[in-house]
Every structure is written in C-alpha cells, then in structure tokens.
Amino acid sequence: MDNNALLTALAISLVLTVLFEVGFYLVIGKRNKKDILLVILVNTLTNPIVVLLYWIAYFNTNWNTVLVLIPLEVFAVLTEGFIYGRYAQSIKRPFLFSLAANVFSFSLGFIIQHFIF
C-alpha cells in the first residue's frame, strides 16, 4: 500500500468512525455537547492507531486478521472507556458505552467495506 492510499484509508476510517460513534451517542438519547466533542476527540486518538497497526500487520505479516483485530479493538474499547469514565458528563457506564459504540461502528464499517467496496 502506498502512502497516499494509506492516508486515504486512515482519513476515511476516522471520518466514518466519528460519524458512526457520534451517531450512536445521539441515537441512545444523549445530547451533551461536551460529550459529543469528547467522542470525537477520543476517536481521533484511538482510531488512527488501531487502523495503522492493523494495516502494518496486514501488509507485513501473515498473521490471522481476526487475531490482529481482537487486541486492537480491546485496546480501543479499554482506552475509550477509561477516558469516558474520567471525563464524560452524561455517559454513566463508560466501558459499556465504549464497547457498544465500537461494535456498532465496526459492524457498519464491515458492512460498508464488504458489501459496497
């Protein structure tokens, strides 16, 4: 994968993740503007790390992609849950929210990647 393709993949992944997870936050009935910003910032922190490490493993190793994804997603859920627990005002169960938002986002991304592209 060349640098432009990688940067494009990182940008698309980040934009879609932020849209999906903010959308999830709104769908569950939350409306706190500071927490919406927090969801955006948290995903801006974790998503590029997860996507970059995934692509490095995907293109440079023969590792099973599921075995690569599991620890990366666990990292994202735990990191986001910790940050939500510390700073969110309206998220009462931060790790459950993080898990649910990531499952929602990952599932939509999977559907888009495998059925549209």
N, C-alpha and C. Protein backbone atom coordinates (compact mmCIF):
# COMPACT_ATOMS: atom_id res chain seq x y z
N MET A 1 0.86 -1.18 0.00
CA MET A 1 0.00 0.00 0.00
C MET A 1 0.90 1.23 0.00
N ASP A 2 0.64 2.14 -0.93
CA ASP A 2 1.45 3.35 -0.98
C ASP A 2 0.96 4.36 0.06
N ASN A 3 1.74 5.41 0.26
CA ASN A 3 1.44 6.40 1.30
C ASN A 3 0.11 7.10 1.08
N ASN A 4 -0.20 7.46 -0.16
CA ASN A 4 -1.47 8.13 -0.44
C ASN A 4 -2.66 7.23 -0.12
N ALA A 5 -2.55 5.96 -0.48
CA ALA A 5 -3.64 5.02 -0.20
C ALA A 5 -3.80 4.84 1.30
N LEU A 6 -2.68 4.77 2.02
CA LEU A 6 -2.75 4.63 3.48
C LEU A 6 -3.38 5.85 4.13
N LEU A 7 -2.98 7.03 3.71
CA LEU A 7 -3.56 8.26 4.26
C LEU A 7 -5.05 8.37 3.93
N THR A 8 -5.41 7.95 2.73
CA THR A 8 -6.83 7.95 2.36
C THR A 8 -7.61 6.97 3.23
N ALA A 9 -7.07 5.78 3.43
CA ALA A 9 -7.74 4.78 4.27
C ALA A 9 -7.87 5.28 5.70
N LEU A 10 -6.82 5.90 6.23
CA LEU A 10 -6.87 6.45 7.59
C LEU A 10 -7.93 7.54 7.70
N ALA A 11 -7.98 8.43 6.72
CA ALA A 11 -8.94 9.53 6.76
C ALA A 11 -10.38 9.03 6.65
N ILE A 12 -10.62 8.12 5.72
CA ILE A 12 -11.98 7.58 5.56
C ILE A 12 -12.41 6.84 6.82
N SER A 13 -11.52 6.04 7.36
CA SER A 13 -11.84 5.29 8.57
C SER A 13 -12.15 6.22 9.73
N LEU A 14 -11.36 7.26 9.90
CA LEU A 14 -11.58 8.20 11.00
C LEU A 14 -12.90 8.94 10.84
N VAL A 15 -13.16 9.44 9.65
CA VAL A 15 -14.41 10.19 9.41
C VAL A 15 -15.62 9.30 9.65
N LEU A 16 -15.60 8.08 9.10
CA LEU A 16 -16.74 7.18 9.28
C LEU A 16 -16.90 6.78 10.75
N THR A 17 -15.80 6.50 11.43
CA THR A 17 -15.87 6.13 12.84
C THR A 17 -16.46 7.25 13.68
N VAL A 18 -16.00 8.46 13.45
CA VAL A 18 -16.53 9.60 14.21
C VAL A 18 -18.02 9.77 13.92
N LEU A 19 -18.41 9.70 12.66
CA LEU A 19 -19.83 9.82 12.31
C LEU A 19 -20.66 8.72 12.96
N PHE A 20 -20.19 7.48 12.89
CA PHE A 20 -20.94 6.36 13.45
C PHE A 20 -21.04 6.44 14.97
N GLU A 21 -19.93 6.79 15.63
CA GLU A 21 -19.95 6.79 17.09
C GLU A 21 -20.67 8.01 17.65
N VAL A 22 -20.57 9.15 17.00
CA VAL A 22 -21.38 10.31 17.42
C VAL A 22 -22.85 9.99 17.15
N GLY A 23 -23.13 9.38 16.01
CA GLY A 23 -24.50 8.98 15.70
C GLY A 23 -25.03 8.00 16.74
N PHE A 24 -24.21 7.05 17.14
CA PHE A 24 -24.62 6.10 18.19
C PHE A 24 -24.92 6.84 19.49
N TYR A 25 -24.06 7.76 19.85
CA TYR A 25 -24.26 8.56 21.07
C TYR A 25 -25.61 9.29 21.01
N LEU A 26 -25.92 9.87 19.88
CA LEU A 26 -27.18 10.60 19.73
C LEU A 26 -28.38 9.64 19.71
N VAL A 27 -28.24 8.49 19.06
CA VAL A 27 -29.34 7.53 18.96
C VAL A 27 -29.73 6.99 20.34
N ILE A 28 -28.76 6.84 21.23
CA ILE A 28 -29.11 6.32 22.56
C ILE A 28 -29.69 7.42 23.46
N GLY A 29 -29.89 8.59 22.89
CA GLY A 29 -30.60 9.64 23.61
C GLY A 29 -29.74 10.65 24.34
N LYS A 30 -28.46 10.64 24.08
CA LYS A 30 -27.57 11.60 24.74
C LYS A 30 -27.49 12.86 23.89
N ARG A 31 -27.30 14.01 24.56
CA ARG A 31 -27.25 15.29 23.83
C ARG A 31 -26.23 16.27 24.40
N ASN A 32 -25.36 15.84 25.29
CA ASN A 32 -24.41 16.75 25.91
C ASN A 32 -23.34 17.15 24.89
N LYS A 33 -23.23 18.45 24.59
CA LYS A 33 -22.31 18.93 23.55
C LYS A 33 -20.85 18.65 23.91
N LYS A 34 -20.50 18.76 25.18
CA LYS A 34 -19.12 18.47 25.58
C LYS A 34 -18.80 16.99 25.39
N ASP A 35 -19.77 16.14 25.65
CA ASP A 35 -19.53 14.71 25.44
C ASP A 35 -19.47 14.35 23.96
N ILE A 36 -20.21 15.07 23.12
CA ILE A 36 -20.08 14.85 21.67
C ILE A 36 -18.66 15.19 21.24
N LEU A 37 -18.15 16.30 21.72
CA LEU A 37 -16.76 16.67 21.43
C LEU A 37 -15.79 15.61 21.97
N LEU A 38 -16.07 15.10 23.16
CA LEU A 38 -15.23 14.06 23.75
C LEU A 38 -15.23 12.80 22.87
N VAL A 39 -16.38 12.40 22.38
CA VAL A 39 -16.46 11.23 21.49
C VAL A 39 -15.60 11.46 20.25
N ILE A 40 -15.67 12.65 19.69
CA ILE A 40 -14.86 12.99 18.52
C ILE A 40 -13.37 12.92 18.85
N LEU A 41 -12.97 13.54 19.96
CA LEU A 41 -11.56 13.57 20.33
C LEU A 41 -11.02 12.18 20.67
N VAL A 42 -11.80 11.41 21.40
CA VAL A 42 -11.37 10.07 21.79
C VAL A 42 -11.15 9.20 20.56
N ASN A 43 -12.06 9.29 19.61
CA ASN A 43 -11.90 8.50 18.39
C ASN A 43 -10.78 9.02 17.51
N THR A 44 -10.52 10.31 17.56
CA THR A 44 -9.39 10.87 16.83
C THR A 44 -8.07 10.37 17.41
N LEU A 45 -8.09 10.05 18.68
CA LEU A 45 -6.90 9.47 19.33
C LEU A 45 -6.75 7.99 19.00
N THR A 46 -7.80 7.20 19.17
CA THR A 46 -7.66 5.75 19.08
C THR A 46 -7.76 5.20 17.66
N ASN A 47 -8.63 5.74 16.84
CA ASN A 47 -8.86 5.16 15.51
C ASN A 47 -7.61 5.12 14.64
N PRO A 48 -6.86 6.21 14.49
CA PRO A 48 -5.67 6.12 13.64
C PRO A 48 -4.64 5.10 14.14
N ILE A 49 -4.51 4.97 15.44
CA ILE A 49 -3.57 3.98 15.99
C ILE A 49 -4.00 2.57 15.62
N VAL A 50 -5.28 2.28 15.84
CA VAL A 50 -5.80 0.94 15.54
C VAL A 50 -5.70 0.64 14.06
N VAL A 51 -6.11 1.57 13.22
CA VAL A 51 -6.10 1.34 11.77
C VAL A 51 -4.68 1.19 11.26
N LEU A 52 -3.78 2.05 11.70
CA LEU A 52 -2.39 1.97 11.25
C LEU A 52 -1.74 0.65 11.66
N LEU A 53 -1.91 0.25 12.91
CA LEU A 53 -1.33 -1.01 13.36
C LEU A 53 -1.94 -2.21 12.63
N TYR A 54 -3.24 -2.12 12.36
CA TYR A 54 -3.88 -3.19 11.59
C TYR A 54 -3.26 -3.31 10.20
N TRP A 55 -3.13 -2.17 9.51
CA TRP A 55 -2.60 -2.22 8.15
C TRP A 55 -1.14 -2.63 8.12
N ILE A 56 -0.37 -2.22 9.12
CA ILE A 56 1.03 -2.67 9.20
C ILE A 56 1.07 -4.20 9.32
N ALA A 57 0.26 -4.74 10.20
CA ALA A 57 0.22 -6.19 10.37
C ALA A 57 -0.32 -6.87 9.11
N TYR A 58 -1.35 -6.31 8.51
CA TYR A 58 -1.98 -6.91 7.33
C TYR A 58 -1.01 -7.02 6.16
N PHE A 59 -0.26 -5.95 5.90
CA PHE A 59 0.61 -5.93 4.73
C PHE A 59 2.01 -6.48 4.99
N ASN A 60 2.40 -6.65 6.25
CA ASN A 60 3.78 -7.05 6.52
C ASN A 60 3.91 -8.37 7.25
N THR A 61 2.81 -9.02 7.55
CA THR A 61 2.88 -10.31 8.23
C THR A 61 1.87 -11.26 7.60
N ASN A 62 1.93 -12.47 8.00
CA ASN A 62 0.94 -13.46 7.59
C ASN A 62 0.00 -13.80 8.73
N TRP A 63 -0.10 -12.91 9.70
CA TRP A 63 -0.94 -13.16 10.87
C TRP A 63 -2.41 -13.19 10.47
N ASN A 64 -3.15 -13.97 11.20
CA ASN A 64 -4.60 -14.03 11.02
C ASN A 64 -5.18 -12.66 11.37
N THR A 65 -5.99 -12.10 10.46
CA THR A 65 -6.50 -10.74 10.68
C THR A 65 -7.42 -10.65 11.90
N VAL A 66 -8.15 -11.71 12.19
CA VAL A 66 -9.01 -11.69 13.38
C VAL A 66 -8.16 -11.62 14.64
N LEU A 67 -7.07 -12.36 14.65
CA LEU A 67 -6.18 -12.34 15.82
C LEU A 67 -5.45 -11.01 15.96
N VAL A 68 -5.33 -10.27 14.89
CA VAL A 68 -4.76 -8.92 14.95
C VAL A 68 -5.83 -7.94 15.43
N LEU A 69 -7.03 -8.08 14.91
CA LEU A 69 -8.12 -7.15 15.25
C LEU A 69 -8.55 -7.22 16.72
N ILE A 70 -8.61 -8.40 17.27
CA ILE A 70 -9.12 -8.54 18.64
C ILE A 70 -8.33 -7.69 19.64
N PRO A 71 -7.00 -7.82 19.73
CA PRO A 71 -6.30 -6.98 20.72
C PRO A 71 -6.36 -5.49 20.39
N LEU A 72 -6.41 -5.15 19.11
CA LEU A 72 -6.51 -3.74 18.74
C LEU A 72 -7.85 -3.16 19.17
N GLU A 73 -8.92 -3.89 18.95
CA GLU A 73 -10.25 -3.42 19.36
C GLU A 73 -10.38 -3.40 20.88
N VAL A 74 -9.79 -4.37 21.55
CA VAL A 74 -9.79 -4.36 23.03
C VAL A 74 -9.06 -3.12 23.53
N PHE A 75 -7.93 -2.80 22.92
CA PHE A 75 -7.20 -1.58 23.27
C PHE A 75 -8.09 -0.36 23.11
N ALA A 76 -8.80 -0.28 21.98
CA ALA A 76 -9.66 0.88 21.72
C ALA A 76 -10.78 0.97 22.75
N VAL A 77 -11.45 -0.13 23.02
CA VAL A 77 -12.56 -0.14 23.98
C VAL A 77 -12.08 0.26 25.37
N LEU A 78 -10.98 -0.31 25.81
CA LEU A 78 -10.47 0.00 27.15
C LEU A 78 -9.99 1.44 27.26
N THR A 79 -9.27 1.90 26.25
CA THR A 79 -8.78 3.28 26.27
C THR A 79 -9.93 4.27 26.24
N GLU A 80 -10.87 4.06 25.35
CA GLU A 80 -12.02 4.95 25.26
C GLU A 80 -12.86 4.89 26.52
N GLY A 81 -13.09 3.68 27.04
CA GLY A 81 -13.87 3.55 28.27
C GLY A 81 -13.24 4.28 29.43
N PHE A 82 -11.92 4.17 29.55
CA PHE A 82 -11.22 4.88 30.61
C PHE A 82 -11.39 6.39 30.47
N ILE A 83 -11.21 6.90 29.28
CA ILE A 83 -11.33 8.35 29.05
C ILE A 83 -12.76 8.81 29.28
N TYR A 84 -13.74 8.05 28.79
CA TYR A 84 -15.14 8.42 29.04
C TYR A 84 -15.44 8.41 30.53
N GLY A 85 -14.93 7.42 31.23
CA GLY A 85 -15.16 7.34 32.67
C GLY A 85 -14.58 8.52 33.42
N ARG A 86 -13.50 9.01 32.94
CA ARG A 86 -12.81 10.12 33.60
C ARG A 86 -13.41 11.48 33.25
N TYR A 87 -13.83 11.65 31.99
CA TYR A 87 -14.19 13.00 31.52
C TYR A 87 -15.63 13.19 31.05
N ALA A 88 -16.35 12.13 30.75
CA ALA A 88 -17.71 12.30 30.22
C ALA A 88 -18.67 12.77 31.31
N GLN A 89 -19.60 13.58 30.91
CA GLN A 89 -20.60 14.10 31.83
C GLN A 89 -21.89 13.30 31.79
N SER A 90 -22.24 12.74 30.65
CA SER A 90 -23.53 12.07 30.52
C SER A 90 -23.43 10.57 30.26
N ILE A 91 -22.23 10.04 30.19
CA ILE A 91 -22.05 8.60 29.93
C ILE A 91 -21.85 7.92 31.27
N LYS A 92 -22.89 7.20 31.72
CA LYS A 92 -22.87 6.61 33.06
C LYS A 92 -22.14 5.28 33.13
N ARG A 93 -22.12 4.53 32.07
CA ARG A 93 -21.40 3.25 32.01
C ARG A 93 -20.38 3.34 30.88
N PRO A 94 -19.23 3.94 31.15
CA PRO A 94 -18.29 4.28 30.08
C PRO A 94 -17.74 3.09 29.30
N PHE A 95 -17.46 1.98 29.98
CA PHE A 95 -16.90 0.84 29.26
C PHE A 95 -17.97 0.14 28.43
N LEU A 96 -19.18 0.08 28.94
CA LEU A 96 -20.28 -0.48 28.16
C LEU A 96 -20.58 0.40 26.95
N PHE A 97 -20.58 1.72 27.16
CA PHE A 97 -20.79 2.62 26.03
C PHE A 97 -19.68 2.44 25.00
N SER A 98 -18.44 2.39 25.45
CA SER A 98 -17.32 2.23 24.53
C SER A 98 -17.44 0.93 23.75
N LEU A 99 -17.76 -0.16 24.43
CA LEU A 99 -17.93 -1.45 23.76
C LEU A 99 -19.06 -1.39 22.73
N ALA A 100 -20.21 -0.88 23.14
CA ALA A 100 -21.36 -0.82 22.24
C ALA A 100 -21.09 0.09 21.04
N ALA A 101 -20.48 1.25 21.29
CA ALA A 101 -20.19 2.18 20.20
C ALA A 101 -19.19 1.57 19.22
N ASN A 102 -18.20 0.86 19.74
CA ASN A 102 -17.20 0.24 18.87
C ASN A 102 -17.78 -0.92 18.08
N VAL A 103 -18.64 -1.72 18.70
CA VAL A 103 -19.30 -2.81 17.97
C VAL A 103 -20.17 -2.23 16.86
N PHE A 104 -20.92 -1.19 17.18
CA PHE A 104 -21.77 -0.51 16.20
C PHE A 104 -20.93 0.01 15.04
N SER A 105 -19.89 0.75 15.35
CA SER A 105 -19.03 1.35 14.34
C SER A 105 -18.32 0.29 13.51
N PHE A 106 -17.77 -0.71 14.17
CA PHE A 106 -17.05 -1.78 13.46
C PHE A 106 -18.01 -2.52 12.53
N SER A 107 -19.21 -2.81 13.01
CA SER A 107 -20.19 -3.54 12.20
C SER A 107 -20.59 -2.75 10.96
N LEU A 108 -20.86 -1.46 11.12
CA LEU A 108 -21.20 -0.64 9.96
C LEU A 108 -20.02 -0.55 8.99
N GLY A 109 -18.82 -0.39 9.53
CA GLY A 109 -17.63 -0.35 8.69
C GLY A 109 -17.42 -1.65 7.93
N PHE A 110 -17.66 -2.78 8.61
CA PHE A 110 -17.55 -4.09 7.97
C PHE A 110 -18.55 -4.21 6.82
N ILE A 111 -19.79 -3.80 7.08
CA ILE A 111 -20.82 -3.87 6.04
C ILE A 111 -20.44 -3.00 4.85
N ILE A 112 -19.99 -1.80 5.11
CA ILE A 112 -19.60 -0.90 4.03
C ILE A 112 -18.44 -1.48 3.25
N GLN A 113 -17.42 -1.96 3.95
CA GLN A 113 -16.23 -2.47 3.28
C GLN A 113 -16.52 -3.72 2.44
N HIS A 114 -17.31 -4.62 2.97
CA HIS A 114 -17.50 -5.89 2.29
C HIS A 114 -18.68 -5.95 1.33
N PHE A 115 -19.62 -5.02 1.45
CA PHE A 115 -20.78 -5.08 0.58
C PHE A 115 -20.85 -3.92 -0.40
N ILE A 116 -20.10 -2.87 -0.16
CA ILE A 116 -20.12 -1.73 -1.06
C ILE A 116 -18.84 -1.66 -1.88
N PHE A 117 -17.69 -1.91 -1.24
CA PHE A 117 -16.43 -1.80 -1.98
C PHE A 117 -16.06 -3.11 -2.57
